[in-house]
N, C-alpha and C. Protein backbone atom coordinates (compact mmCIF):
# COMPACT_ATOMS: atom_id res chain seq x y z
N MET A 1 39.64 23.86 -71.61
CA MET A 1 38.51 23.20 -72.32
C MET A 1 38.83 21.66 -72.55
N PRO A 2 40.05 21.30 -72.96
CA PRO A 2 40.25 19.87 -73.15
C PRO A 2 40.08 19.05 -71.87
N ASP A 3 40.41 19.63 -70.70
CA ASP A 3 40.28 18.92 -69.47
C ASP A 3 38.81 18.64 -69.19
N ASP A 4 37.94 19.56 -69.46
CA ASP A 4 36.49 19.41 -69.30
C ASP A 4 35.94 18.35 -70.29
N TYR A 5 36.40 18.35 -71.46
CA TYR A 5 35.97 17.26 -72.48
C TYR A 5 36.35 15.92 -72.00
N GLU A 6 37.56 15.81 -71.50
CA GLU A 6 38.05 14.50 -71.07
C GLU A 6 37.24 14.03 -69.87
N LYS A 7 36.93 14.90 -68.95
CA LYS A 7 36.13 14.56 -67.74
C LYS A 7 34.75 14.12 -68.20
N ARG A 8 34.12 14.86 -69.10
CA ARG A 8 32.72 14.50 -69.55
C ARG A 8 32.73 13.15 -70.26
N LEU A 9 33.77 12.96 -71.08
CA LEU A 9 33.88 11.68 -71.83
C LEU A 9 34.02 10.51 -70.89
N LYS A 10 34.87 10.73 -69.82
CA LYS A 10 35.09 9.63 -68.89
C LYS A 10 33.78 9.41 -68.02
N ASP A 11 33.06 10.46 -67.72
CA ASP A 11 31.82 10.37 -67.02
C ASP A 11 30.79 9.59 -67.83
N GLU A 12 30.72 9.83 -69.14
CA GLU A 12 29.84 9.09 -70.02
C GLU A 12 30.16 7.64 -70.07
N ILE A 13 31.47 7.32 -70.26
CA ILE A 13 31.94 5.94 -70.32
C ILE A 13 31.62 5.22 -69.01
N TYR A 14 31.90 5.89 -67.88
CA TYR A 14 31.61 5.31 -66.59
C TYR A 14 30.14 5.06 -66.43
N GLY A 15 29.28 5.98 -66.81
CA GLY A 15 27.89 5.84 -66.64
C GLY A 15 27.34 4.71 -67.47
N CYS A 16 27.79 4.60 -68.71
CA CYS A 16 27.33 3.53 -69.55
C CYS A 16 27.72 2.21 -68.94
N PHE A 17 28.90 2.08 -68.38
CA PHE A 17 29.39 0.85 -67.78
C PHE A 17 28.63 0.52 -66.48
N LYS A 18 28.58 1.49 -65.63
CA LYS A 18 28.01 1.25 -64.27
C LYS A 18 26.49 1.19 -64.25
N TYR A 19 25.82 2.16 -64.88
CA TYR A 19 24.39 2.28 -64.71
C TYR A 19 23.53 1.58 -65.75
N ILE A 20 24.17 1.54 -66.96
CA ILE A 20 23.46 0.88 -68.06
C ILE A 20 23.87 -0.59 -68.21
N GLY A 21 25.14 -0.90 -67.82
CA GLY A 21 25.63 -2.26 -67.85
C GLY A 21 26.25 -2.64 -69.16
N ILE A 22 26.69 -1.69 -69.95
CA ILE A 22 27.34 -2.01 -71.19
C ILE A 22 28.89 -2.33 -70.90
N PRO A 23 29.29 -3.50 -71.33
CA PRO A 23 30.70 -3.85 -71.10
C PRO A 23 31.67 -2.72 -71.52
N ILE A 24 32.65 -2.52 -70.70
CA ILE A 24 33.55 -1.36 -70.88
C ILE A 24 34.26 -1.40 -72.24
N GLU A 25 34.56 -2.61 -72.75
CA GLU A 25 35.23 -2.74 -74.03
C GLU A 25 34.26 -2.24 -75.17
N THR A 26 32.98 -2.60 -74.98
CA THR A 26 31.96 -2.17 -75.96
C THR A 26 31.77 -0.63 -75.90
N VAL A 27 31.82 -0.11 -74.74
CA VAL A 27 31.65 1.38 -74.61
C VAL A 27 32.77 2.05 -75.37
N TYR A 28 34.02 1.59 -75.13
CA TYR A 28 35.15 2.22 -75.78
C TYR A 28 35.16 2.10 -77.24
N ASN A 29 34.57 1.09 -77.81
CA ASN A 29 34.52 0.92 -79.23
C ASN A 29 33.26 1.36 -79.98
N MET A 30 32.26 1.85 -79.25
CA MET A 30 31.07 2.27 -79.83
C MET A 30 31.15 3.65 -80.39
N PRO A 31 30.43 4.01 -81.47
CA PRO A 31 30.47 5.39 -81.93
C PRO A 31 29.83 6.34 -80.96
N THR A 32 30.32 7.57 -81.03
CA THR A 32 29.85 8.58 -80.04
C THR A 32 28.26 8.71 -80.08
N GLN A 33 27.69 8.78 -81.27
CA GLN A 33 26.25 8.98 -81.36
C GLN A 33 25.55 7.81 -80.71
N ASP A 34 26.03 6.60 -80.80
CA ASP A 34 25.42 5.43 -80.14
C ASP A 34 25.44 5.62 -78.61
N ARG A 35 26.64 5.93 -78.13
CA ARG A 35 26.84 6.15 -76.69
C ARG A 35 25.84 7.26 -76.17
N LYS A 36 25.77 8.30 -76.88
CA LYS A 36 24.87 9.42 -76.52
C LYS A 36 23.38 8.98 -76.54
N TYR A 37 23.05 8.14 -77.51
CA TYR A 37 21.71 7.64 -77.59
C TYR A 37 21.40 6.75 -76.37
N PHE A 38 22.25 5.86 -76.07
CA PHE A 38 22.02 4.94 -74.89
C PHE A 38 21.91 5.77 -73.58
N ILE A 39 22.71 6.78 -73.43
CA ILE A 39 22.64 7.60 -72.22
C ILE A 39 21.32 8.38 -72.22
N MET A 40 20.86 8.94 -73.33
CA MET A 40 19.59 9.66 -73.39
C MET A 40 18.45 8.74 -73.14
N LYS A 41 18.49 7.54 -73.72
CA LYS A 41 17.43 6.55 -73.52
C LYS A 41 17.35 6.16 -72.06
N HIS A 42 18.47 5.82 -71.47
CA HIS A 42 18.54 5.42 -70.03
C HIS A 42 17.99 6.48 -69.18
N ASN A 43 18.41 7.85 -69.39
CA ASN A 43 17.93 8.91 -68.60
C ASN A 43 16.47 9.11 -68.72
N SER A 44 15.96 8.95 -69.89
CA SER A 44 14.53 9.09 -70.20
C SER A 44 13.71 8.07 -69.38
N GLU A 45 14.18 6.81 -69.45
CA GLU A 45 13.48 5.76 -68.71
C GLU A 45 13.54 5.96 -67.21
N GLN A 46 14.64 6.48 -66.75
CA GLN A 46 14.79 6.74 -65.30
C GLN A 46 13.78 7.83 -64.87
N GLU A 47 13.71 8.85 -65.69
CA GLU A 47 12.76 9.96 -65.39
C GLU A 47 11.30 9.46 -65.37
N GLU A 48 10.94 8.61 -66.31
CA GLU A 48 9.64 7.97 -66.33
C GLU A 48 9.41 7.16 -65.07
N SER A 49 10.36 6.40 -64.70
CA SER A 49 10.28 5.54 -63.47
C SER A 49 10.05 6.39 -62.25
N VAL A 50 10.81 7.47 -62.12
CA VAL A 50 10.70 8.34 -61.00
C VAL A 50 9.26 9.01 -60.94
N SER A 51 8.82 9.41 -62.09
CA SER A 51 7.44 10.03 -62.24
C SER A 51 6.40 9.06 -61.84
N ALA A 52 6.50 7.83 -62.28
CA ALA A 52 5.58 6.80 -61.92
C ALA A 52 5.54 6.52 -60.48
N GLN A 53 6.74 6.42 -59.87
CA GLN A 53 6.90 6.23 -58.46
C GLN A 53 6.25 7.33 -57.65
N LYS A 54 6.47 8.59 -58.08
CA LYS A 54 5.91 9.75 -57.33
C LYS A 54 4.33 9.70 -57.42
N LEU A 55 3.86 9.32 -58.64
CA LEU A 55 2.42 9.24 -58.82
C LEU A 55 1.83 8.16 -57.88
N ALA A 56 2.49 7.02 -57.80
CA ALA A 56 2.02 5.93 -56.91
C ALA A 56 2.03 6.36 -55.50
N GLU A 57 3.08 7.12 -55.09
CA GLU A 57 3.12 7.56 -53.71
C GLU A 57 2.03 8.58 -53.39
N GLN A 58 1.73 9.45 -54.36
CA GLN A 58 0.65 10.35 -54.14
C GLN A 58 -0.72 9.62 -53.98
N LYS A 59 -0.90 8.64 -54.84
CA LYS A 59 -2.14 7.85 -54.73
C LYS A 59 -2.16 7.14 -53.43
N ASN A 60 -1.06 6.57 -52.96
CA ASN A 60 -1.13 5.84 -51.67
C ASN A 60 -1.29 6.82 -50.48
N SER A 61 -0.67 7.97 -50.59
CA SER A 61 -0.87 8.92 -49.47
C SER A 61 -2.32 9.40 -49.43
N GLY A 62 -2.93 9.55 -50.59
CA GLY A 62 -4.36 9.92 -50.61
C GLY A 62 -5.23 8.83 -49.89
N THR A 63 -4.91 7.58 -50.16
CA THR A 63 -5.60 6.42 -49.58
C THR A 63 -5.45 6.44 -48.05
N MET A 64 -4.22 6.69 -47.62
CA MET A 64 -3.90 6.69 -46.19
C MET A 64 -4.67 7.87 -45.54
N ARG A 65 -4.69 8.99 -46.20
CA ARG A 65 -5.42 10.15 -45.67
C ARG A 65 -6.89 9.79 -45.50
N ASN A 66 -7.51 9.11 -46.49
CA ASN A 66 -8.88 8.72 -46.45
C ASN A 66 -9.07 7.73 -45.34
N ASN A 67 -8.14 6.80 -45.14
CA ASN A 67 -8.28 5.84 -44.11
C ASN A 67 -8.16 6.57 -42.71
N SER A 68 -7.32 7.53 -42.61
CA SER A 68 -7.12 8.29 -41.41
C SER A 68 -8.46 9.03 -41.07
N ASP A 69 -9.11 9.65 -42.06
CA ASP A 69 -10.35 10.30 -41.84
C ASP A 69 -11.40 9.32 -41.42
N LEU A 70 -11.42 8.16 -42.01
CA LEU A 70 -12.40 7.12 -41.68
C LEU A 70 -12.16 6.66 -40.27
N ASN A 71 -10.93 6.49 -39.88
CA ASN A 71 -10.60 6.09 -38.50
C ASN A 71 -11.07 7.17 -37.45
N THR A 72 -10.82 8.38 -37.83
CA THR A 72 -11.29 9.54 -36.95
C THR A 72 -12.81 9.47 -36.81
N TYR A 73 -13.54 9.31 -37.93
CA TYR A 73 -14.91 9.26 -37.89
C TYR A 73 -15.43 8.07 -37.02
N ALA A 74 -14.76 6.92 -37.26
CA ALA A 74 -15.19 5.72 -36.41
C ALA A 74 -15.02 5.96 -34.98
N ARG A 75 -13.86 6.60 -34.59
CA ARG A 75 -13.60 6.85 -33.14
C ARG A 75 -14.68 7.81 -32.63
N LEU A 76 -15.05 8.84 -33.36
CA LEU A 76 -16.07 9.78 -32.95
C LEU A 76 -17.42 9.06 -32.78
N GLU A 77 -17.77 8.19 -33.69
CA GLU A 77 -18.97 7.43 -33.56
C GLU A 77 -18.96 6.50 -32.33
N GLN A 78 -17.85 5.91 -32.03
CA GLN A 78 -17.77 5.08 -30.92
C GLN A 78 -17.92 5.88 -29.61
N SER A 79 -17.28 7.08 -29.62
CA SER A 79 -17.37 7.95 -28.50
C SER A 79 -18.81 8.36 -28.28
N ASN A 80 -19.46 8.78 -29.39
CA ASN A 80 -20.85 9.22 -29.27
C ASN A 80 -21.83 8.07 -28.71
N ARG A 81 -21.56 6.83 -29.17
CA ARG A 81 -22.37 5.71 -28.68
C ARG A 81 -22.10 5.42 -27.24
N SER A 82 -20.89 5.56 -26.84
CA SER A 82 -20.57 5.29 -25.36
C SER A 82 -21.21 6.32 -24.51
N LYS A 83 -21.44 7.56 -25.07
CA LYS A 83 -22.09 8.63 -24.27
C LYS A 83 -23.61 8.58 -24.45
N GLY A 84 -24.06 7.67 -25.34
CA GLY A 84 -25.50 7.58 -25.54
C GLY A 84 -25.99 8.59 -26.50
N THR A 85 -25.08 9.23 -27.26
CA THR A 85 -25.55 10.29 -28.23
C THR A 85 -25.48 9.60 -29.64
N ASN A 86 -26.67 9.55 -30.30
CA ASN A 86 -26.78 8.96 -31.60
C ASN A 86 -27.25 10.00 -32.56
N PHE A 87 -26.55 10.22 -33.65
CA PHE A 87 -26.91 11.19 -34.64
C PHE A 87 -27.49 10.49 -35.83
């Protein structure tokens, strides 16, 4: 159990330093509840960012699909006109 605690503690310290950008000396000296708060806040913001990015990708893929449908329709119309078929 102590080995697991030590690894989790080091992972938290490393994450605060690397991903959040808190200076290592500050991380070592901050209270546990503060460190946990910053980790939770960072993770929450990352999840929101990923969700927003996925939503934007879905919107963009819908637009591309509509453009693709429009292009297909335009090619069909051009084909019909070249054959002299007008609907």
